[in-house]
Amino acid sequence: MTTTTSRIAGKVALITGAASGIGKCTANLFAKHGAKVVIADIQDQLGEAVCEAIGTSNSTYIHCDVTKEEDVKKAVDTAVAKYGKLDIMFCNAGIIDPNKPHIINIEKPDFDRVLSVNVTGVFLAMKHAARVMVPKKEGSIISTASVASNIGGAASHAYCCAKHAVVGLTKNTAVELGQFGIRVNCLSPYGMVTPLATGFVGLQGDELEKYMSERGNLKGVTLKTDDVAQAALFLGSDEARYISGQNLFIDGGFGITNSSLNTVEYPKNI
């Protein structure tokens, strides 16, 4: 790695939900840019495979259910014990409930489970990251929110509620931890091909990308997990050293679009 490509060389990152989707892509990217990566997930076989692909000299896998505080604490302690510190915590683990558009049909256990993983899990990751970052007076905490953190109608009630909560938690924690030099931000992507999205929408691969692109605002570009990973890399790097308390949208302008307005027509010769 050269200094021009190793943007987080020497840093230690812990990523929850790193066995697949955005987390897996980010783990690979972080390692490529010089970080030691702790892959935390409940999908043991997939998580071990990610670790093997990266290389066990630069990564380690640990089973971690983010709804269990003991698991989250152990994951953070493992990072510190193995690599000596924790520089980046990426609170990425998340789930979504079954696709039921009517609130009267939603079961309370499904609603509770989404909030447990997507909100309480983020809180626990932030808490234990802060525990080891505060004494060092530095660090970057990043969470995965969603375009659903800003608008309604983009996902289930539980998911929308949870992602709004992640933004509030991000802002509140950024205010508290700023005095210790710790930055706290979140990412809000539009829909893309991930296990979560394919399961919710019911489409796979190219079909899902076509579906999302047709409904997106920015044309000619298809959102990929790497786009979100690149944003996480930026926020985890020293390039973002004075950015905190922000919700970075990776949605091609979808969240600011008024779909009731007609697209402005341009002359064909432009």
Protein backbone atom coordinates (compact mmCIF):
# COMPACT_ATOMS: atom_id res chain seq x y z
CA MET A 1 0.00 0.00 0.00
CA THR A 2 1.22 3.47 -0.83
CA THR A 3 0.38 6.52 1.21
CA THR A 4 -1.96 7.68 -1.55
CA THR A 5 -4.15 4.58 -1.28
CA SER A 6 -3.81 3.65 2.40
CA ARG A 7 -6.28 6.18 3.74
CA ILE A 8 -6.74 4.52 7.14
CA ALA A 9 -3.37 2.78 7.47
CA GLY A 10 -2.68 1.64 11.03
CA LYS A 11 -6.26 2.12 12.20
CA VAL A 12 -8.36 -0.58 13.85
CA ALA A 13 -12.00 -0.90 12.82
CA LEU A 14 -14.85 -2.97 14.22
CA ILE A 15 -17.80 -3.51 11.88
CA THR A 16 -21.06 -5.06 13.04
CA GLY A 17 -23.08 -6.92 10.45
CA ALA A 18 -19.88 -7.43 8.45
CA ALA A 19 -20.60 -10.92 7.09
CA SER A 20 -22.66 -9.67 4.14
CA GLY A 21 -23.97 -6.64 2.28
CA ILE A 22 -22.64 -3.19 3.16
CA GLY A 23 -20.66 -4.52 6.12
CA LYS A 24 -18.78 -7.10 4.06
CA CYS A 25 -17.96 -4.58 1.34
CA THR A 26 -16.74 -2.07 3.94
CA ALA A 27 -14.59 -4.66 5.71
CA ASN A 28 -12.83 -5.45 2.43
CA LEU A 29 -12.36 -1.78 1.61
CA PHE A 30 -11.05 -0.88 5.07
CA ALA A 31 -8.53 -3.71 4.90
CA LYS A 32 -7.47 -2.60 1.42
CA HIS A 33 -6.75 0.83 2.84
CA GLY A 34 -4.52 -0.46 5.61
CA ALA A 35 -6.84 -1.08 8.57
CA LYS A 36 -7.05 -4.07 10.86
CA VAL A 37 -10.67 -5.18 10.80
CA VAL A 38 -12.79 -7.01 13.37
CA ILE A 39 -15.75 -8.63 11.62
CA ALA A 40 -18.70 -8.99 14.00
CA ASP A 41 -21.85 -10.86 13.00
CA ILE A 42 -24.16 -13.73 13.89
CA GLN A 43 -23.63 -15.43 10.51
CA ASP A 44 -20.56 -17.38 11.56
CA GLN A 45 -19.84 -19.23 8.32
CA LEU A 46 -20.17 -16.11 6.19
CA GLY A 47 -18.19 -14.04 8.67
CA GLU A 48 -15.33 -16.53 8.76
CA ALA A 49 -15.29 -16.54 4.95
CA VAL A 50 -14.94 -12.75 4.86
CA CYS A 51 -12.08 -12.98 7.33
CA GLU A 52 -10.34 -15.66 5.26
CA ALA A 53 -10.72 -13.60 2.08
CA ILE A 54 -9.19 -10.52 3.73
CA GLY A 55 -6.47 -12.52 5.46
CA THR A 56 -6.27 -13.53 9.10
CA SER A 57 -3.21 -11.35 9.61
CA ASN A 58 -5.38 -8.26 8.98
CA SER A 59 -8.76 -9.37 10.26
CA THR A 60 -10.54 -11.45 12.83
CA TYR A 61 -14.09 -12.72 13.14
CA ILE A 62 -16.17 -12.73 16.30
CA HIS A 63 -19.73 -13.90 16.85
CA CYS A 64 -21.75 -10.90 18.00
CA ASP A 65 -25.47 -10.47 18.52
CA VAL A 66 -25.79 -6.69 18.85
CA THR A 67 -28.90 -7.02 21.01
CA LYS A 68 -26.75 -8.68 23.71
CA GLU A 69 -24.53 -6.27 25.60
CA GLU A 70 -22.09 -9.01 26.60
CA ASP A 71 -21.50 -9.82 22.92
CA VAL A 72 -20.90 -6.20 21.98
CA LYS A 73 -18.57 -5.64 24.94
CA LYS A 74 -16.62 -8.78 24.02
CA ALA A 75 -16.26 -7.66 20.41
CA VAL A 76 -14.83 -4.30 21.46
CA ASP A 77 -12.54 -5.90 24.02
CA THR A 78 -11.34 -8.38 21.39
CA ALA A 79 -10.38 -5.54 19.05
CA VAL A 80 -8.40 -3.81 21.80
CA ALA A 81 -6.78 -7.02 23.05
CA LYS A 82 -5.71 -8.16 19.58
CA TYR A 83 -4.77 -4.87 17.95
CA GLY A 84 -4.17 -2.55 20.90
CA LYS A 85 -6.91 0.01 20.24
CA LEU A 86 -10.16 0.83 18.45
CA ASP A 87 -10.20 3.75 16.03
CA ILE A 88 -13.37 3.16 14.02
CA MET A 89 -16.66 1.64 15.11
CA PHE A 90 -19.08 1.03 12.25
CA CYS A 91 -22.51 0.22 13.73
CA ASN A 92 -23.88 -1.44 10.63
CA ALA A 93 -25.88 -4.48 11.74
CA GLY A 94 -29.54 -4.16 10.85
CA ILE A 95 -32.69 -6.07 9.98
CA ILE A 96 -36.13 -5.32 8.57
CA ASP A 97 -39.49 -6.84 9.40
CA PRO A 98 -41.82 -8.59 6.91
CA ASN A 99 -43.20 -6.36 4.16
CA LYS A 100 -46.63 -5.49 5.55
CA PRO A 101 -47.73 -2.01 4.43
CA HIS A 102 -50.72 -1.77 6.80
CA ILE A 103 -49.98 -0.91 10.42
CA ILE A 104 -52.98 -2.92 11.61
CA ASN A 105 -51.34 -6.09 10.31
CA ILE A 106 -47.95 -5.60 11.96
CA GLU A 107 -47.14 -7.90 14.88
CA LYS A 108 -45.60 -6.34 17.99
CA PRO A 109 -42.76 -8.93 18.24
CA ASP A 110 -41.66 -8.05 14.69
CA PHE A 111 -41.70 -4.33 15.52
CA ASP A 112 -39.79 -4.90 18.77
CA ARG A 113 -37.16 -7.05 17.05
CA VAL A 114 -36.35 -4.35 14.47
CA LEU A 115 -35.93 -1.71 17.16
CA SER A 116 -33.86 -4.08 19.28
CA VAL A 117 -31.32 -4.68 16.51
CA ASN A 118 -31.44 -1.36 14.66
CA VAL A 119 -31.62 1.02 17.63
CA THR A 120 -30.55 -0.77 20.81
CA GLY A 121 -27.80 -2.56 18.87
CA VAL A 122 -26.45 0.78 17.65
CA PHE A 123 -26.67 2.23 21.16
CA LEU A 124 -24.67 -0.67 22.60
CA ALA A 125 -22.02 -0.41 19.89
CA MET A 126 -21.70 3.34 20.49
CA LYS A 127 -21.56 2.84 24.25
CA HIS A 128 -18.75 0.32 24.22
CA ALA A 129 -16.82 2.12 21.50
CA ALA A 130 -16.96 5.24 23.65
CA ARG A 131 -15.73 3.22 26.63
CA VAL A 132 -12.39 2.58 24.94
CA MET A 133 -12.19 5.74 22.79
CA VAL A 134 -12.76 8.32 25.54
CA PRO A 135 -9.46 7.58 27.36
CA LYS A 136 -7.60 7.97 24.03
CA LYS A 137 -9.54 11.16 23.21
CA GLU A 138 -10.01 10.19 19.57
CA GLY A 139 -12.07 7.92 17.35
CA SER A 140 -14.78 7.76 14.72
CA ILE A 141 -18.19 6.16 15.26
CA ILE A 142 -20.31 5.59 12.15
CA SER A 143 -23.78 4.09 11.92
CA THR A 144 -25.87 2.88 9.01
CA ALA A 145 -29.14 4.78 8.84
CA SER A 146 -31.19 4.96 5.63
CA VAL A 147 -33.01 7.29 3.29
CA ALA A 148 -35.92 6.21 5.51
CA SER A 149 -34.31 8.28 8.29
CA ASN A 150 -35.60 11.41 6.59
CA ILE A 151 -38.81 10.55 4.74
CA GLY A 152 -41.83 8.33 5.14
CA GLY A 153 -43.06 5.64 2.80
CA ALA A 154 -39.66 4.22 1.88
CA ALA A 155 -39.74 1.17 4.16
CA SER A 156 -41.71 -0.51 6.93
CA HIS A 157 -43.00 1.41 9.96
CA ALA A 158 -40.51 -0.26 12.28
CA TYR A 159 -37.56 0.32 9.97
CA CYS A 160 -38.48 3.96 9.35
CA CYS A 161 -38.90 4.53 13.07
CA ALA A 162 -35.58 2.85 13.86
CA LYS A 163 -33.59 4.79 11.29
CA HIS A 164 -35.02 8.10 12.49
CA ALA A 165 -33.88 7.06 15.96
CA VAL A 166 -30.35 6.30 14.72
CA VAL A 167 -30.05 9.88 13.48
CA GLY A 168 -31.18 11.25 16.84
CA LEU A 169 -28.77 8.97 18.68
CA THR A 170 -25.97 10.04 16.34
CA LYS A 171 -26.56 13.73 17.01
CA ASN A 172 -26.90 13.31 20.78
CA THR A 173 -23.79 11.17 21.04
CA ALA A 174 -21.79 13.52 18.81
CA VAL A 175 -22.59 16.38 21.19
CA GLU A 176 -21.45 14.39 24.22
CA LEU A 177 -18.32 12.84 22.75
CA GLY A 178 -17.05 15.90 20.89
CA GLN A 179 -15.27 17.04 24.05
CA PHE A 180 -13.15 13.89 23.79
CA GLY A 181 -12.24 14.36 20.14
CA ILE A 182 -14.57 11.55 19.04
CA ARG A 183 -16.60 12.07 15.86
CA VAL A 184 -20.04 10.48 15.45
CA ASN A 185 -21.83 10.35 12.10
CA CYS A 186 -24.26 8.18 10.15
CA LEU A 187 -24.87 7.18 6.55
CA SER A 188 -28.24 7.16 4.82
CA PRO A 189 -28.21 5.22 1.55
CA TYR A 190 -30.96 4.64 -0.99
CA GLY A 191 -31.91 1.06 -1.81
CA MET A 192 -29.36 -1.29 -3.38
CA VAL A 193 -28.71 -5.00 -3.74
CA THR A 194 -28.18 -6.39 -0.24
CA PRO A 195 -29.68 -9.42 1.52
CA LEU A 196 -31.93 -7.05 3.49
CA ALA A 197 -33.29 -5.27 0.42
CA THR A 198 -33.75 -8.38 -1.70
CA GLY A 199 -35.67 -10.06 1.09
CA PHE A 200 -37.93 -7.07 1.66
CA VAL A 201 -38.66 -6.14 -1.97
CA GLY A 202 -38.69 -9.71 -3.25
CA LEU A 203 -36.40 -9.09 -6.21
CA GLN A 204 -32.86 -10.28 -6.87
CA GLY A 205 -29.74 -8.80 -8.46
CA ASP A 206 -30.36 -6.98 -11.74
CA GLU A 207 -34.13 -6.97 -11.24
CA LEU A 208 -33.78 -5.15 -7.92
CA GLU A 209 -31.29 -2.67 -9.37
CA LYS A 210 -33.67 -1.93 -12.26
CA TYR A 211 -36.56 -1.49 -9.81
CA MET A 212 -34.59 0.93 -7.62
CA SER A 213 -33.06 2.85 -10.54
CA GLU A 214 -36.47 3.45 -12.11
CA ARG A 215 -37.66 5.01 -8.85
CA GLY A 216 -34.45 6.88 -8.10
CA ASN A 217 -33.74 10.52 -8.85
CA LEU A 218 -30.18 10.37 -10.20
CA LYS A 219 -30.15 8.62 -13.55
CA GLY A 220 -27.26 6.87 -15.25
CA VAL A 221 -25.80 5.67 -11.96
CA THR A 222 -26.71 2.54 -9.99
CA LEU A 223 -26.07 2.58 -6.25
CA LYS A 224 -23.74 -0.20 -5.09
CA THR A 225 -22.61 -1.33 -1.65
CA ASP A 226 -19.16 0.00 -2.55
CA ASP A 227 -20.58 3.53 -2.73
CA VAL A 228 -21.67 3.25 0.90
CA ALA A 229 -18.37 1.65 1.89
CA GLN A 230 -16.49 4.54 0.27
CA ALA A 231 -18.53 7.01 2.34
CA ALA A 232 -17.75 5.04 5.50
CA LEU A 233 -14.07 5.07 4.55
CA PHE A 234 -14.19 8.86 4.22
CA LEU A 235 -15.88 9.35 7.59
CA GLY A 236 -13.46 6.95 9.26
CA SER A 237 -10.40 8.65 7.79
CA ASP A 238 -8.59 11.81 8.86
CA GLU A 239 -10.01 13.47 5.73
CA ALA A 240 -13.22 13.92 7.74
CA ARG A 241 -11.44 15.06 10.90
CA TYR A 242 -13.83 17.99 11.54
CA ILE A 243 -17.06 16.31 10.49
CA SER A 244 -19.34 15.17 13.31
CA GLY A 245 -23.04 14.92 14.04
CA GLN A 246 -23.90 14.53 10.36
CA ASN A 247 -26.29 12.28 8.47
CA LEU A 248 -24.66 11.77 5.06
CA PHE A 249 -27.18 10.88 2.37
CA ILE A 250 -26.06 8.53 -0.41
CA ASP A 251 -29.36 8.64 -2.22
CA GLY A 252 -28.80 10.55 -5.46
CA GLY A 253 -31.21 13.25 -4.30
CA PHE A 254 -34.10 10.83 -3.72
CA GLY A 255 -34.84 12.24 -0.27
CA ILE A 256 -35.34 15.79 -1.54
CA THR A 257 -37.43 14.85 -4.56
CA ASN A 258 -41.08 15.85 -4.88
CA SER A 259 -42.43 13.02 -7.00
CA SER A 260 -45.65 14.94 -7.70
CA LEU A 261 -43.74 17.41 -9.86
CA ASN A 262 -43.17 16.55 -13.50
CA THR A 263 -39.63 16.20 -14.77
CA VAL A 264 -38.53 19.31 -16.63
CA GLU A 265 -38.32 18.59 -20.35
CA TYR A 266 -35.14 19.62 -22.20
CA PRO A 267 -34.83 20.19 -25.95
CA LYS A 268 -33.65 17.07 -27.72
CA ASN A 269 -30.58 18.81 -29.16
CA ILE A 270 -29.03 19.36 -25.71
